[in-house]
C-alpha atoms as a PDB file:
ATOM      1  CA  UNK A   1       0.000   0.000   0.000  1.00  0.00           C
ATOM      2  CA  UNK A   2       1.386   3.401  -0.995  1.00  0.00           C
ATOM      3  CA  UNK A   3       2.002   5.743   1.914  1.00  0.00           C
ATOM      4  CA  UNK A   4       1.066   9.405   1.638  1.00  0.00           C
ATOM      5  CA  UNK A   5       3.367  12.217   2.741  1.00  0.00           C
ATOM      6  CA  UNK A   6       2.307  15.854   2.878  1.00  0.00           C
ATOM      7  CA  UNK A   7       5.306  18.181   2.971  1.00  0.00           C
ATOM      8  CA  UNK A   8       4.634  21.663   4.320  1.00  0.00           C
ATOM      9  CA  UNK A   9       7.117  24.275   3.162  1.00  0.00           C
ATOM     10  CA  UNK A  10       7.499  28.040   2.948  1.00  0.00           C
ATOM     11  CA  UNK A  11       9.299  30.170   0.369  1.00  0.00           C
ATOM     12  CA  UNK A  12      11.136  32.039   3.160  1.00  0.00           C
ATOM     13  CA  UNK A  13      12.441  28.855   4.771  1.00  0.00           C
ATOM     14  CA  UNK A  14      16.157  28.222   4.101  1.00  0.00           C
ATOM     15  CA  UNK A  15      15.834  24.466   4.807  1.00  0.00           C
ATOM     16  CA  UNK A  16      12.717  23.788   2.724  1.00  0.00           C
ATOM     17  CA  UNK A  17      14.447  23.402  -0.691  1.00  0.00           C
ATOM     18  CA  UNK A  18      16.707  20.706   0.769  1.00  0.00           C
ATOM     19  CA  UNK A  19      13.769  18.984   2.476  1.00  0.00           C
ATOM     20  CA  UNK A  20      11.906  18.962  -0.837  1.00  0.00           C
ATOM     21  CA  UNK A  21      14.848  17.260  -2.583  1.00  0.00           C
ATOM     22  CA  UNK A  22      15.213  14.721   0.245  1.00  0.00           C
ATOM     23  CA  UNK A  23      11.495  13.845   0.261  1.00  0.00           C
ATOM     24  CA  UNK A  24      11.439  13.571  -3.544  1.00  0.00           C
ATOM     25  CA  UNK A  25      14.262  11.020  -3.331  1.00  0.00           C
ATOM     26  CA  UNK A  26      12.327   9.094  -0.644  1.00  0.00           C
ATOM     27  CA  UNK A  27       9.279   9.240  -2.922  1.00  0.00           C
ATOM     28  CA  UNK A  28      11.172   7.485  -5.708  1.00  0.00           C
ATOM     29  CA  UNK A  29      12.942   5.003  -3.437  1.00  0.00           C
ATOM     30  CA  UNK A  30       9.975   4.057  -1.244  1.00  0.00           C
ATOM     31  CA  UNK A  31       7.107   4.555  -3.701  1.00  0.00           C
ATOM     32  CA  UNK A  32       5.471   7.319  -1.647  1.00  0.00           C
ATOM     33  CA  UNK A  33       2.698   9.631  -2.712  1.00  0.00           C
ATOM     34  CA  UNK A  34       4.159  13.097  -2.041  1.00  0.00           C
ATOM     35  CA  UNK A  35       2.088  16.260  -1.876  1.00  0.00           C
ATOM     36  CA  UNK A  36       3.899  19.565  -1.346  1.00  0.00           C
ATOM     37  CA  UNK A  37       1.890  22.394   0.209  1.00  0.00           C
ATOM     38  CA  UNK A  38       2.800  25.976   1.074  1.00  0.00           C
ATOM     39  CA  UNK A  39       2.329  26.282   4.843  1.00  0.00           C
ATOM     40  CA  UNK A  40       0.854  29.772   4.370  1.00  0.00           C
ATOM     41  CA  UNK A  41      -1.871  28.636   1.947  1.00  0.00           C
ATOM     42  CA  UNK A  42      -5.406  27.977   3.251  1.00  0.00           C
ATOM     43  CA  UNK A  43      -4.814  24.233   3.159  1.00  0.00           C
ATOM     44  CA  UNK A  44      -1.399  24.649   4.776  1.00  0.00           C
ATOM     45  CA  UNK A  45      -2.806  26.778   7.602  1.00  0.00           C
ATOM     46  CA  UNK A  46      -5.516  24.192   8.241  1.00  0.00           C
ATOM     47  CA  UNK A  47      -2.969  21.349   8.393  1.00  0.00           C
ATOM     48  CA  UNK A  48      -0.597  23.281  10.660  1.00  0.00           C
ATOM     49  CA  UNK A  49      -3.520  23.908  12.990  1.00  0.00           C
ATOM     50  CA  UNK A  50      -4.774  20.311  12.989  1.00  0.00           C
ATOM     51  CA  UNK A  51      -1.300  18.828  13.572  1.00  0.00           C
ATOM     52  CA  UNK A  52      -0.047  21.653  15.822  1.00  0.00           C
ATOM     53  CA  UNK A  53       2.895  22.368  13.520  1.00  0.00           C
ATOM     54  CA  UNK A  54       4.871  25.494  14.389  1.00  0.00           C
ATOM     55  CA  UNK A  55       7.824  25.279  11.985  1.00  0.00           C
ATOM     56  CA  UNK A  56       8.706  24.103   8.498  1.00  0.00           C
ATOM     57  CA  UNK A  57       9.727  21.992   6.786  1.00  0.00           C
ATOM     58  CA  UNK A  58       7.237  19.561   8.265  1.00  0.00           C
ATOM     59  CA  UNK A  59       6.060  16.265   6.818  1.00  0.00           C
ATOM     60  CA  UNK A  60       2.835  14.505   7.732  1.00  0.00           C
ATOM     61  CA  UNK A  61       3.149  10.757   7.116  1.00  0.00           C
ATOM     62  CA  UNK A  62      -0.133   8.958   6.425  1.00  0.00           C
ATOM     63  CA  UNK A  63      -1.978  11.613   8.446  1.00  0.00           C
ATOM     64  CA  UNK A  64      -0.606   9.998  11.635  1.00  0.00           C
ATOM     65  CA  UNK A  65       2.977  11.106  12.219  1.00  0.00           C
ATOM     66  CA  UNK A  66       4.734  14.466  11.876  1.00  0.00           C
ATOM     67  CA  UNK A  67       8.426  14.948  11.118  1.00  0.00           C
ATOM     68  CA  UNK A  68       9.825  18.434  11.626  1.00  0.00           C
ATOM     69  CA  UNK A  69      12.996  19.348   9.735  1.00  0.00           C
ATOM     70  CA  UNK A  70      14.987  17.268   7.295  1.00  0.00           C
ATOM     71  CA  UNK A  71      14.686  13.588   8.213  1.00  0.00           C
ATOM     72  CA  UNK A  72      17.277  10.900   7.834  1.00  0.00           C
ATOM     73  CA  UNK A  73      16.519   7.691   5.969  1.00  0.00           C
ATOM     74  CA  UNK A  74      16.206   5.536   9.105  1.00  0.00           C
ATOM     75  CA  UNK A  75      13.607   7.866  10.629  1.00  0.00           C
ATOM     76  CA  UNK A  76      11.520   7.758   7.446  1.00  0.00           C
ATOM     77  CA  UNK A  77      11.762   3.973   7.125  1.00  0.00           C
ATOM     78  CA  UNK A  78      10.680   3.560  10.755  1.00  0.00           C
ATOM     79  CA  UNK A  79       7.589   5.746  10.288  1.00  0.00           C
ATOM     80  CA  UNK A  80       6.678   4.176   6.948  1.00  0.00           C
ATOM     81  CA  UNK A  81       6.730   0.723   8.528  1.00  0.00           C
ATOM     82  CA  UNK A  82       4.865   1.970  11.614  1.00  0.00           C
ATOM     83  CA  UNK A  83       2.033   3.581   9.602  1.00  0.00           C
END
């Protein structure tokens, strides 16, 4: 079953471009469905409120787990298996 990841980013965030590249590589390697959303958009504001996210980059894995920052491979594999 394909896991879904929602990546919240902001154009003013210095770490977000790197997080986007990292998550896109995980998408290819792990067959993830990746959706990238601006944290300041209506949808982004709703998600940050629901998941109590206060900084970006932030990834929501299968609407269950939140990763703040740029994750390492082991962290992602653990959450993918856990979901």
